[in-house]
C-alpha cells in the first residue's frame, strides 16, 4: 500500500496540468523514461487510446511492467508489444 501511495504522489507531481491524467509530454518526464529512446512508444503503449496520455491506472501498469519484481512472462509480453506496432501479433515497423 505504501508503494502505491508513493507512486500516486509521484503521479500527482508529474501531472503539471492537474487534470489527473499524465499528458504525453508529462509521461515523457517519468524518471525511467527521460533518457529512454523508446519513451514515446512506451507512453503510447500503456495509454488506453494510443495517445500517450496515462491515467493513474495506466501509470501503475507501466511501472509494474518495468519493475524488478515483474515476472519474466510479464516482461516478455510488454517487450513484444513494444515492437508490435499495429497489434497484429507480429513484430513490425512503425
Protein backbone atom coordinates (compact mmCIF):
# COMPACT_ATOMS: atom_id res chain seq x y z
CA UNK A 1 0.00 0.00 0.00
CA UNK A 2 2.87 2.41 0.78
CA UNK A 3 4.42 1.75 -2.60
CA UNK A 4 1.16 2.63 -4.37
CA UNK A 5 0.79 5.77 -2.24
CA UNK A 6 4.32 6.80 -3.21
CA UNK A 7 3.54 6.21 -6.88
CA UNK A 8 0.35 8.25 -6.54
CA UNK A 9 2.32 11.16 -5.07
CA UNK A 10 4.81 10.92 -7.95
CA UNK A 11 1.93 10.78 -10.46
CA UNK A 12 0.45 13.96 -8.97
CA UNK A 13 3.87 15.68 -9.14
CA UNK A 14 4.20 14.78 -12.81
CA UNK A 15 0.60 15.87 -13.55
CA UNK A 16 1.51 19.52 -14.10
CA UNK A 17 -1.85 20.26 -15.75
CA UNK A 18 -3.68 18.92 -12.67
CA UNK A 19 -6.28 17.01 -14.70
CA UNK A 20 -5.49 13.57 -13.16
CA UNK A 21 -4.04 12.41 -16.48
CA UNK A 22 -0.40 12.45 -17.47
CA UNK A 23 -0.47 14.07 -20.85
CA UNK A 24 2.01 12.73 -23.41
CA UNK A 25 4.64 15.38 -22.57
CA UNK A 26 4.17 14.74 -18.85
CA UNK A 27 4.54 11.00 -19.41
CA UNK A 28 7.89 11.59 -21.09
CA UNK A 29 9.07 13.23 -17.83
CA UNK A 30 8.80 9.96 -15.89
CA UNK A 31 12.26 9.36 -14.42
CA UNK A 32 12.80 5.98 -16.08
CA UNK A 33 11.76 7.31 -19.48
CA UNK A 34 13.74 10.57 -19.71
CA UNK A 35 16.78 9.04 -21.40
CA UNK A 36 14.99 6.07 -22.95
CA UNK A 37 14.84 6.17 -26.77
CA UNK A 38 11.66 4.06 -26.58
CA UNK A 39 9.88 6.53 -24.25
CA UNK A 40 7.36 7.78 -26.84
CA UNK A 41 6.39 4.22 -27.78
CA UNK A 42 6.16 3.15 -24.14
CA UNK A 43 3.79 6.04 -23.34
CA UNK A 44 1.66 5.20 -26.38
CA UNK A 45 1.62 1.51 -25.50
CA UNK A 46 0.40 2.00 -21.94
CA UNK A 47 -2.21 4.63 -22.80
CA UNK A 48 -5.72 3.35 -23.44
CA UNK A 49 -6.15 5.11 -26.76
CA UNK A 50 -2.57 5.18 -28.04
CA UNK A 51 -2.25 8.92 -27.43
CA UNK A 52 0.50 8.55 -24.84
CA UNK A 53 -1.64 10.07 -22.07
CA UNK A 54 -1.85 7.96 -18.92
CA UNK A 55 -4.41 7.63 -16.16
CA UNK A 56 -3.10 6.63 -12.75
CA UNK A 57 -4.09 3.03 -13.50
CA UNK A 58 -2.12 3.14 -16.77
CA UNK A 59 0.81 4.65 -14.87
CA UNK A 60 0.66 1.79 -12.33
CA UNK A 61 0.55 -0.77 -15.15
CA UNK A 62 3.61 0.79 -16.76
CA UNK A 63 5.56 0.97 -13.50
CA UNK A 64 4.59 -2.61 -12.67
CA UNK A 65 5.60 -3.99 -16.06
CA UNK A 66 9.06 -2.45 -15.80
CA UNK A 67 9.53 -3.21 -12.12
CA UNK A 68 12.32 -5.52 -10.98
CA UNK A 69 9.53 -7.54 -9.35
CA UNK A 70 7.76 -8.19 -12.67
CA UNK A 71 7.81 -11.80 -13.78
CA UNK A 72 9.75 -12.74 -16.92
CA UNK A 73 6.42 -13.57 -18.60
CA UNK A 74 5.10 -10.06 -17.98
CA UNK A 75 8.32 -8.50 -19.24
CA UNK A 76 8.24 -10.62 -22.40
CA UNK A 77 4.65 -9.66 -23.19
CA UNK A 78 5.40 -5.93 -22.91
CA UNK A 79 8.73 -6.18 -24.70
CA UNK A 80 6.97 -7.88 -27.63
CA UNK A 81 4.17 -5.32 -27.59
CA UNK A 82 6.77 -2.59 -27.87
CA UNK A 83 7.61 -3.86 -31.37
CA UNK A 84 4.09 -4.93 -32.43
CA UNK A 85 3.13 -1.51 -33.76
CA UNK A 86 -0.16 -2.47 -35.40
CA UNK A 87 -1.38 -5.08 -32.89
CA UNK A 88 -1.28 -7.97 -35.38
CA UNK A 89 0.84 -10.17 -33.07
CA UNK A 90 3.83 -9.77 -35.40
CA UNK A 91 6.92 -7.67 -34.93
CA UNK A 92 6.73 -4.85 -37.43
CA UNK A 93 8.00 -1.46 -38.43
CA UNK A 94 6.33 1.79 -37.41
